[in-house]
Protein backbone atom coordinates (compact mmCIF):
# COMPACT_ATOMS: atom_id res chain seq x y z
CA MET A 1 79.74 82.86 232.64
CA THR A 2 79.37 80.71 235.79
CA ARG A 3 76.26 78.94 234.44
CA THR A 4 77.97 78.32 231.12
CA LYS A 5 81.03 76.86 232.85
CA ARG A 6 78.92 74.51 235.02
CA LYS A 7 77.00 73.29 231.96
CA SER A 8 80.22 72.49 230.11
CA ASP A 9 81.59 70.68 233.21
CA ASN A 10 78.45 68.57 233.52
CA HIS A 11 78.57 67.81 229.81
CA ALA A 12 82.17 66.63 230.16
CA LEU A 13 81.37 64.41 233.14
CA LYS A 14 78.52 62.74 231.23
CA LYS A 15 81.03 61.71 228.55
CA GLY A 16 83.16 59.98 231.22
CA GLN A 17 85.97 62.53 231.27
CA HIS A 18 87.69 63.74 234.44
CA SER A 19 86.42 66.82 236.18
CA PRO A 20 88.43 69.91 235.26
CA HIS A 21 88.87 70.49 238.96
CA LYS A 22 90.98 67.26 239.19
CA VAL A 23 92.98 67.66 235.99
CA SER A 24 95.30 70.51 235.22
CA SER A 25 93.97 72.85 232.57
CA ASN A 26 97.30 72.70 230.72
CA HIS A 27 97.53 68.84 230.43
CA SER A 28 95.14 66.27 229.00
CA PRO A 29 95.06 62.63 230.22
CA VAL A 30 97.23 60.50 227.86
CA LYS A 31 97.96 56.76 228.03
CA LYS A 32 101.58 55.89 228.82
CA GLN A 33 103.25 54.42 225.69
CA PRO A 34 106.48 52.42 225.42
CA GLN A 35 109.47 54.66 224.82
CA SER A 36 111.12 52.73 221.93
CA PRO A 37 110.43 50.02 219.32
CA THR A 38 112.51 47.64 221.44
CA ASP A 39 110.19 48.25 224.40
CA VAL A 40 107.19 47.55 222.17
CA GLU A 41 108.78 44.31 220.97
CA ASN A 42 109.68 43.23 224.50
CA CYS A 43 106.17 44.03 225.75
CA HIS A 44 104.76 41.88 222.96
CA HIS A 45 107.04 38.96 223.78
CA LEU A 46 106.50 39.30 227.50
CA ALA A 47 102.76 38.99 226.91
CA ASP A 48 103.15 35.57 225.25
CA PRO A 49 106.73 34.19 225.32
CA LEU A 50 105.61 30.76 224.04
CA ASP A 51 105.10 32.24 220.56
CA GLU A 52 108.74 33.31 220.50
CA VAL A 53 109.83 29.91 221.89
CA GLN A 54 108.00 28.15 219.05
CA ARG A 55 109.51 30.45 216.44
CA ILE A 56 113.11 30.06 217.67
CA LEU A 57 113.04 26.29 218.19
CA ARG A 58 111.18 25.51 214.96
CA LEU A 59 113.63 27.55 212.90
CA ARG A 60 116.50 25.77 214.64
CA ILE A 61 115.36 22.20 213.98
CA SER A 62 114.20 22.95 210.43
CA GLN A 63 117.82 23.98 209.64
CA SER A 64 116.53 27.23 208.13
CA GLN A 65 119.30 29.03 209.98
CA PRO A 66 123.01 28.06 209.87
CA GLN A 67 124.32 26.38 212.99
CA PRO A 68 126.41 28.79 215.11
CA THR A 69 129.02 26.15 215.97
CA ILE A 70 130.61 23.22 214.16
CA ASN A 71 131.23 20.07 216.17
CA GLY A 72 134.64 18.40 215.78
CA TYR A 73 135.67 19.85 212.39
CA ASN A 74 138.01 22.68 213.39
CA GLU A 75 140.92 21.51 211.24
CA GLU A 76 138.71 20.77 208.21
CA LYS A 77 136.96 24.11 208.60
CA THR A 78 140.29 25.96 208.58
CA GLN A 79 141.44 24.20 205.40
CA LEU A 80 138.17 24.87 203.58
CA TYR A 81 138.08 28.47 204.79
CA GLU A 82 141.61 29.23 203.58
CA LEU A 83 140.99 27.52 200.22
CA ILE A 84 137.91 29.60 199.37
CA LYS A 85 139.48 32.74 200.84
CA ARG A 86 142.46 32.47 198.48
CA THR A 87 140.09 32.26 195.52
CA ALA A 88 138.12 35.29 196.71
CA LEU A 89 141.06 37.55 197.56
CA THR A 90 143.97 36.45 195.36
CA GLY A 91 142.12 34.91 192.40
CA GLU A 92 143.63 31.44 192.95
CA SER A 93 141.45 28.76 191.32
CA ASN A 94 140.89 25.56 193.29
CA SER A 95 138.81 22.38 193.38
CA LEU A 96 138.02 20.12 196.31
CA LEU A 97 135.79 17.20 197.32
CA LEU A 98 134.11 16.91 200.75
CA ILE A 99 133.53 13.21 201.37
CA GLY A 100 131.63 11.75 204.30
CA PRO A 101 128.55 9.71 205.27
CA ARG A 102 125.10 11.27 205.17
CA GLY A 103 124.35 13.44 208.15
CA CYS A 104 127.99 13.98 209.13
CA GLY A 105 127.76 17.76 208.50
CA LYS A 106 129.18 18.42 205.01
CA THR A 107 126.58 21.03 204.02
CA MET A 108 126.56 22.52 207.53
CA LEU A 109 130.35 22.96 207.37
CA LEU A 110 130.12 24.62 203.95
CA ASN A 111 127.37 26.99 205.10
CA ASN A 112 129.35 27.90 208.20
CA VAL A 113 132.50 28.64 206.18
CA THR A 114 130.69 30.71 203.53
CA GLY A 115 128.84 32.59 206.27
CA SER A 116 132.16 33.44 207.96
CA LEU A 117 133.65 34.62 204.66
CA GLN A 118 130.67 36.87 203.95
CA GLU A 119 131.57 38.86 207.08
CA ILE A 120 134.71 40.12 205.28
CA ASP A 121 133.81 43.22 203.24
CA ASP A 122 136.21 42.52 200.35
CA ILE A 123 134.75 39.02 199.94
CA LYS A 124 131.13 39.97 200.52
CA ASN A 125 131.15 42.44 197.64
CA ASN A 126 133.33 40.34 195.34
CA LEU A 127 132.68 36.57 195.66
CA LEU A 128 129.75 35.06 193.72
CA THR A 129 128.27 31.73 194.83
CA VAL A 130 126.49 29.19 192.64
CA ARG A 131 124.82 26.22 194.35
CA LEU A 132 123.88 23.14 192.33
CA ASN A 133 122.41 19.83 193.49
CA GLY A 134 122.65 16.57 191.59
CA LEU A 135 119.14 15.65 192.68
CA LEU A 136 117.69 18.80 191.05
CA GLN A 137 120.01 19.53 188.12
CA THR A 138 119.66 16.12 186.47
CA ASP A 139 121.45 17.05 183.21
CA ASP A 140 123.93 19.64 182.01
CA LYS A 141 121.34 21.78 180.24
CA ILE A 142 119.30 22.23 183.43
CA ALA A 143 122.52 22.93 185.35
CA LEU A 144 123.57 25.59 182.83
CA ASN A 145 120.18 27.31 183.06
CA GLU A 146 120.49 27.32 186.86
CA ILE A 147 124.00 28.81 186.66
CA THR A 148 122.64 31.53 184.35
CA ARG A 149 119.79 32.27 186.77
CA GLN A 150 121.96 32.43 189.89
CA LEU A 151 124.47 34.72 188.18
CA ASN A 152 121.62 36.97 186.97
CA LEU A 153 122.74 36.71 183.34
CA GLU A 154 119.42 35.80 181.68
CA ASN A 155 119.28 39.13 179.84
CA THR A 156 122.89 38.80 178.71
CA VAL A 157 122.31 35.39 177.10
CA GLY A 158 119.01 36.41 175.51
CA ASP A 159 118.30 34.49 172.30
CA LYS A 160 121.94 33.80 171.47
CA VAL A 161 122.73 30.38 169.99
CA PHE A 162 125.91 28.60 171.08
CA GLY A 163 127.60 25.65 169.49
CA SER A 164 128.52 23.77 172.66
CA PHE A 165 128.19 23.69 176.41
CA ALA A 166 131.75 24.99 176.80
CA GLU A 167 131.03 28.03 174.62
CA THR A 168 127.95 28.89 176.65
CA LEU A 169 129.78 28.57 179.96
CA GLN A 170 132.72 30.63 178.70
CA PHE A 171 130.32 33.33 177.50
CA LEU A 172 128.68 33.47 180.94
CA LEU A 173 132.03 33.84 182.67
CA GLN A 174 133.20 36.47 180.19
CA ALA A 175 130.01 38.42 180.89
CA LEU A 176 131.11 38.73 184.51
CA LYS A 177 134.35 40.48 183.51
CA LYS A 178 134.94 43.87 185.06
CA GLY A 179 136.23 46.86 183.15
CA GLY A 180 139.75 45.46 183.17
CA ARG A 181 141.09 41.94 182.86
CA GLU A 182 139.95 40.91 186.30
CA SER A 183 136.90 38.72 186.79
CA LYS A 184 134.78 38.27 189.86
CA PRO A 185 135.71 34.99 191.59
CA ILE A 186 132.95 32.38 191.67
CA LEU A 187 132.38 29.59 194.19
CA PHE A 188 130.62 26.56 192.67
CA ILE A 189 129.10 24.22 195.28
CA LEU A 190 128.04 20.86 193.79
CA GLU A 191 126.02 18.83 196.29
CA GLU A 192 125.49 15.13 195.49
CA PHE A 193 128.63 15.35 193.35
CA ASP A 194 128.46 11.68 192.36
CA LEU A 195 125.17 12.32 190.52
CA PHE A 196 126.88 14.95 188.34
CA ALA A 197 129.37 12.24 187.37
CA GLN A 198 126.44 10.35 185.81
CA HIS A 199 125.72 13.15 183.32
CA LYS A 200 126.47 12.40 179.69
CA ASN A 201 130.22 12.79 178.98
CA GLN A 202 130.53 14.60 182.36
CA THR A 203 130.55 17.85 180.38
CA LEU A 204 129.76 20.14 183.32
CA LEU A 205 132.50 18.71 185.53
CA TYR A 206 135.03 18.74 182.71
CA ASN A 207 134.46 22.40 181.89
CA LEU A 208 134.41 23.56 185.51
CA PHE A 209 137.65 21.74 186.32
CA ASP A 210 139.19 22.90 183.03
CA ILE A 211 138.45 26.54 183.88
CA SER A 212 139.85 26.04 187.39
CA GLN A 213 143.11 24.82 185.82
CA SER A 214 143.34 27.81 183.48
CA ALA A 215 144.09 31.41 184.45
CA GLN A 216 141.03 32.88 182.73
CA THR A 217 138.46 33.18 185.51
CA PRO A 218 139.14 32.49 189.21
CA ILE A 219 136.70 29.81 190.36
CA CYS A 220 136.58 27.37 193.26
CA VAL A 221 134.68 24.11 192.76
CA VAL A 222 133.63 22.30 195.95
CA GLY A 223 131.74 19.01 195.65
CA THR A 224 130.04 17.06 198.44
CA THR A 225 129.35 13.35 198.30
CA CYS A 226 128.85 10.33 200.54
CA ARG A 227 130.55 7.92 198.11
CA LEU A 228 134.11 6.99 198.97
CA ASP A 229 134.68 5.59 195.48
CA VAL A 230 133.63 8.80 193.73
CA MET A 231 137.02 9.20 192.01
CA GLU A 232 136.44 5.90 190.20
CA LEU A 233 133.32 7.41 188.59
CA LEU A 234 135.26 10.23 186.90
CA GLU A 235 136.54 9.96 183.34
CA LYS A 236 140.29 10.25 182.72
CA ARG A 237 140.00 13.69 181.12
CA VAL A 238 138.02 14.96 184.15
CA LYS A 239 140.49 13.42 186.62
CA SER A 240 143.41 15.08 184.83
CA ARG A 241 141.90 18.51 185.44
CA PHE A 242 140.83 17.88 189.05
CA SER A 243 143.24 19.00 191.80
CA HIS A 244 142.65 15.72 193.73
CA ARG A 245 142.13 17.65 196.98
CA GLN A 246 139.87 15.68 199.30
CA LEU A 247 138.55 16.35 202.80
CA HIS A 248 137.13 13.30 204.55
CA LEU A 249 134.59 14.04 207.30
CA PHE A 250 133.79 11.46 209.95
CA ASN A 251 131.39 11.91 212.82
CA LYS A 252 133.50 12.35 215.96
CA LEU A 253 130.66 12.97 218.41
CA THR A 254 130.78 11.26 221.80
CA LEU A 255 127.73 10.49 223.93
CA ILE A 256 128.60 13.36 226.29
CA ARG A 257 128.87 15.83 223.42
CA TYR A 258 125.69 14.40 221.87
CA THR A 259 123.82 15.09 225.12
CA GLU A 260 125.20 18.65 225.18
CA ILE A 261 123.88 19.23 221.64
CA PHE A 262 120.49 17.88 222.78
CA THR A 263 120.45 20.53 225.53
CA THR A 264 121.67 23.28 223.18
CA LEU A 265 118.99 22.58 220.58
CA LEU A 266 116.23 22.97 223.18
CA SER A 267 117.70 25.92 225.12
CA LEU A 268 116.74 29.54 224.53
CA PRO A 269 119.42 32.07 223.44
CA ASP A 270 120.82 34.80 225.68
CA ASN A 271 119.01 37.54 223.70
CA PHE A 272 115.56 36.10 224.48
CA PRO A 273 113.32 39.07 225.48
CA ASP A 274 112.02 37.64 228.76
CA ARG A 275 115.11 36.83 230.82
CA TYR A 276 113.23 35.25 233.71
CA PHE A 277 111.28 32.97 231.33
CA LYS A 278 114.53 32.10 229.51
CA ASP A 279 116.31 31.14 232.75
CA GLN A 280 113.38 29.01 233.92
CA TRP A 281 113.05 27.32 230.53
CA ASN A 282 116.76 26.49 230.28
CA LEU A 283 116.74 25.18 233.85
CA LYS A 284 113.90 22.80 232.98
CA ILE A 285 115.76 21.61 229.88
CA LYS A 286 118.83 20.77 231.99
CA GLY A 287 116.57 18.90 234.38
CA LEU A 288 115.06 17.07 231.40
CA THR A 289 118.42 15.57 230.41
CA ASN A 290 118.85 14.23 233.96
CA GLU A 291 115.66 12.16 233.70
CA ALA A 292 116.42 8.43 233.45
CA SER A 293 113.96 7.87 230.59
CA VAL A 294 115.41 10.76 228.56
CA LYS A 295 118.97 9.58 229.18
CA ASP A 296 118.01 6.15 227.89
CA ILE A 297 116.42 7.63 224.74
CA ILE A 298 119.51 9.77 224.03
CA GLU A 299 121.76 6.73 224.39
CA ARG A 300 119.56 4.65 222.10
CA GLN A 301 119.37 7.44 219.51
CA PHE A 302 123.16 7.84 219.68
CA SER A 303 123.71 4.10 219.10
CA LEU A 304 121.33 4.07 216.13
CA SER A 305 122.37 7.33 214.47
CA ASN A 306 124.95 9.54 216.14
CA ASP A 307 124.46 12.48 213.78
CA VAL A 308 122.82 15.82 214.60
CA ARG A 309 120.19 15.39 211.89
CA GLY A 310 118.80 12.32 213.66
CA LEU A 311 118.68 14.29 216.91
CA MET A 312 116.72 17.07 215.19
CA ASN A 313 114.24 14.49 213.88
CA LEU A 314 113.80 13.22 217.43
CA LEU A 315 113.05 16.72 218.74
CA THR A 316 110.71 17.78 215.93
CA LEU A 317 107.52 16.36 217.45
CA PRO A 318 108.14 17.59 221.05
CA ILE A 319 108.89 21.12 219.79
CA CYS A 320 105.83 21.21 217.54
CA GLN A 321 103.63 20.17 220.48
CA ILE A 322 104.48 23.28 222.53
CA ASN A 323 101.38 25.44 223.03
CA LYS A 324 99.39 27.23 225.76
CA HIS A 325 97.88 23.96 226.95
CA HIS A 326 101.24 22.14 226.78
CA PRO A 327 103.77 24.87 227.66
CA GLU A 328 106.87 22.73 228.20
CA ILE A 329 108.67 19.64 226.89
CA THR A 330 108.25 16.59 229.12
CA PRO A 331 110.08 13.22 229.23
CA ASN A 332 106.95 11.56 227.83
CA ASP A 333 107.21 13.79 224.74
CA ILE A 334 110.76 12.55 224.06
CA VAL A 335 109.80 8.91 224.68
CA SER A 336 106.74 9.16 222.40
CA SER A 337 108.78 10.79 219.64
CA PHE A 338 111.45 8.06 219.80
CA LYS A 339 108.81 5.32 219.69
CA MET A 340 107.26 6.92 216.64
CA LEU A 341 110.64 7.12 214.88
CA SER A 342 111.90 3.69 215.95
CA THR A 343 108.66 1.88 215.18
CA ASP A 344 109.72 1.25 211.62
CA SER A 345 109.87 -1.64 209.23
CA LYS A 346 112.93 -3.13 210.96
CA SER A 347 110.97 -3.92 214.12
CA SER A 348 108.32 -5.67 212.05
CA ILE A 349 110.93 -7.50 209.96
CA LEU A 350 112.52 -8.94 213.12
CA HIS A 351 109.24 -10.64 213.95
CA GLY A 352 109.27 -12.39 210.57
CA VAL A 353 112.83 -13.71 210.26
CA SER A 354 113.59 -17.42 210.51
CA ILE A 355 114.89 -19.10 213.68
CA LEU A 356 118.36 -19.41 212.13
CA GLU A 357 118.40 -15.72 211.18
CA LEU A 358 117.22 -14.81 214.68
CA CYS A 359 120.10 -16.85 216.14
CA LEU A 360 122.58 -14.98 213.93
CA ILE A 361 121.18 -11.63 215.09
CA ILE A 362 121.56 -12.73 218.73
CA ALA A 363 125.14 -13.81 217.98
CA MET A 364 125.83 -10.35 216.50
CA LYS A 365 124.28 -8.71 219.58
CA HIS A 366 126.65 -10.70 221.83
CA LEU A 367 129.67 -9.79 219.67
CA ILE A 368 128.80 -6.09 219.94
CA GLU A 369 128.56 -6.43 223.73
CA ILE A 370 131.82 -8.39 223.99
CA TYR A 371 133.87 -6.11 221.71
CA ASP A 372 132.25 -2.83 222.79
CA GLY A 373 130.48 -1.94 219.54
CA GLU A 374 133.29 -2.95 217.16
CA PRO A 375 132.26 -4.30 213.71
CA PHE A 376 132.16 -8.02 213.01
CA ASN A 377 132.42 -10.39 210.04
CA PHE A 378 130.68 -13.60 209.05
CA GLU A 379 133.35 -15.88 210.50
CA MET A 380 132.96 -14.29 213.94
CA VAL A 381 129.17 -14.62 213.79
CA TYR A 382 129.34 -18.24 212.60
CA SER A 383 131.76 -19.14 215.40
CA GLU A 384 129.45 -17.58 218.00
CA TYR A 385 126.46 -19.41 216.52
CA LEU A 386 128.30 -22.77 216.62
CA LYS A 387 129.17 -22.32 220.31
CA PHE A 388 125.49 -21.97 221.16
CA ALA A 389 124.18 -24.65 218.80
CA ARG A 390 126.62 -27.29 220.03
CA ARG A 391 125.73 -26.59 223.67
CA ARG A 392 122.06 -27.27 222.91
CA MET A 393 121.55 -30.85 221.82
CA SER A 394 118.02 -30.07 220.59
CA MET A 395 119.31 -27.38 218.21
CA GLN A 396 119.92 -28.30 214.60
CA VAL A 397 123.39 -27.26 213.46
CA TYR A 398 123.19 -25.94 209.90
CA GLU A 399 125.97 -26.19 207.33
CA LYS A 400 128.15 -23.17 206.77
CA SER A 401 126.73 -22.52 203.29
CA VAL A 402 123.17 -22.43 204.69
CA VAL A 403 124.22 -20.05 207.44
CA MET A 404 125.90 -17.83 204.84
CA LYS A 405 122.62 -17.68 202.89
CA ALA A 406 120.77 -16.58 206.04
CA TYR A 407 123.54 -14.03 206.71
CA GLU A 408 123.20 -12.56 203.21
CA HIS A 409 119.42 -12.46 203.59
CA LEU A 410 119.82 -10.32 206.73
CA GLN A 411 121.98 -8.00 204.67
CA THR A 412 119.28 -7.82 201.97
CA LEU A 413 116.71 -6.95 204.66
CA GLU A 414 119.09 -4.14 205.80
CA LEU A 415 119.26 -5.53 209.33
CA ILE A 416 123.04 -5.56 208.95
CA GLY A 417 125.21 -3.32 206.76
CA HIS A 418 128.79 -2.79 205.59
CA VAL A 419 131.13 -0.54 207.55
CA GLY A 420 132.69 2.11 205.31
CA HIS A 421 133.75 1.43 201.73
CA VAL A 422 133.17 -2.05 200.31
CA ASN A 423 136.46 -3.46 199.05
CA ILE A 424 135.78 -5.79 196.13
CA ASN A 425 139.04 -7.66 196.83
CA THR A 426 137.92 -8.68 200.35
CA GLN A 427 136.20 -12.05 200.69
CA LYS A 428 132.59 -11.71 201.81
CA GLU A 429 133.27 -13.90 204.87
CA TYR A 430 135.69 -11.28 206.18
CA SER A 431 133.90 -8.10 205.12
CA LEU A 432 133.26 -5.92 208.19
CA MET A 433 129.59 -5.44 209.08
CA THR A 434 127.53 -3.73 211.78
CA LEU A 435 124.12 -4.47 213.28
CA LEU A 436 121.54 -1.89 212.18
CA VAL A 437 119.04 -2.60 214.96
CA HIS A 438 119.41 -1.68 218.62
CA PRO A 439 119.90 -4.52 221.17
CA SER A 440 116.68 -3.42 222.90
CA GLN A 441 114.80 -3.99 219.63
CA VAL A 442 116.29 -7.49 219.47
CA MET A 443 115.08 -8.24 223.01
CA GLU A 444 111.64 -6.88 222.20
CA ALA A 445 111.48 -9.07 219.08
CA LEU A 446 112.43 -12.15 221.14
CA GLN A 447 109.49 -11.54 223.48
CA LYS A 448 107.03 -11.06 220.62
CA TYR A 449 108.44 -13.69 218.25
CA PRO A 450 105.73 -16.33 217.63
CA GLY A 451 106.73 -19.73 219.00
CA CYS A 452 110.29 -18.71 219.89
CA PRO A 453 112.09 -21.59 221.72
CA THR A 454 112.80 -20.87 225.39
CA GLU A 455 116.52 -21.67 225.09
CA ILE A 456 116.91 -19.03 222.35
CA LYS A 457 115.15 -16.46 224.55
CA GLN A 458 117.48 -17.34 227.41
CA TRP A 459 120.54 -17.10 225.12
CA GLY A 460 119.41 -13.68 223.90
CA SER A 461 118.98 -12.35 227.45
CA GLN A 462 122.49 -13.44 228.51
CA PRO A 463 125.09 -10.66 228.43
CA ILE A 464 127.71 -12.94 226.84
CA GLY A 465 127.07 -15.87 224.52
């Protein structure tokens, strides 16, 4: 027995196992495993936290996830929330237009409100949502097919033939009826609402608004558009069935709040697996916003486009560059991204404008500095131009009609643009305009402009004309 035992021990040692004299006979050596799936997940993230950083930040800037907070729209959010809630819970039909410039947060506000409503059990199991976009549903037939698809009623329609659009839509809504008289409330979201107004006879809008006025099926129609004159596009019969509720959204962000959003977009959330890595990362991001070059870029981005979408575009390249060899975002990444975005056609166009047009742009730059960013009109620009031209005896003073032509050409080149809605009753000399290029781009163009007179360069560099 002793020889047999020694042979088995030697055989075990040859295989690399522990000697039975060092290991208890009742226990075998087992590797220590994590105790829960959460531990496994944390161990994975702790091994390479940069993968999780990339995933979180890329999802955030791609707008694949709804924004957790809405900036400056508390009152509008409450009104929209209560409107849709009444449709979902009490069956009250409504219609509303969200009007605001591109990038001001219309879709983000809608997504935030619908997300909040879905947290209520009675609404989550009852409210149906149909999303249409004027860029995709280019006619009423395509829109009707999309409504059928989103309501999962393809089998109900089958091969049935209907006489009109209204009959088809009524059939779809009747198909959603419950056992009794009640119908499930439906939220119709029409993005690019003004494009639906271009459909033939505006049949879709007419029928949706007509149903919202009747007591047949509770629906809420919410349209989003950037056109302030959208009501003028609607036919009389459509207007008569619209509730005329309008919510106007205007970007209320300040530079301080804009900088805070910059920090928030790059910071890691509190539930990040590696707390030490999260704290160090967020500390570096706060330090990043204190860098002079980054502050300058944020200010320039804010002056060009003070919406969150523009900020996300600025951060796309720096976030995508994060990897093992480049584990953090640096000031040079922000500067390079801004140069890539700002090096557009406008910078090249400035190098090709005439001397008179260049003088008008400098006059606009001075007006913006004098009046702290307020809009201007042609008469103000012409007056500023005359002050300079009359001080310089070598400068040719052009007639007002010639200067107006140059002014209109700058508008055609999109170097200047209207502020808000264009009122056809306002004379073009007094129509409010804004400069669509940053003052730093103007100064850069002056330095690179071929054969630019010295006195014009000096005038452009002066803080006040």
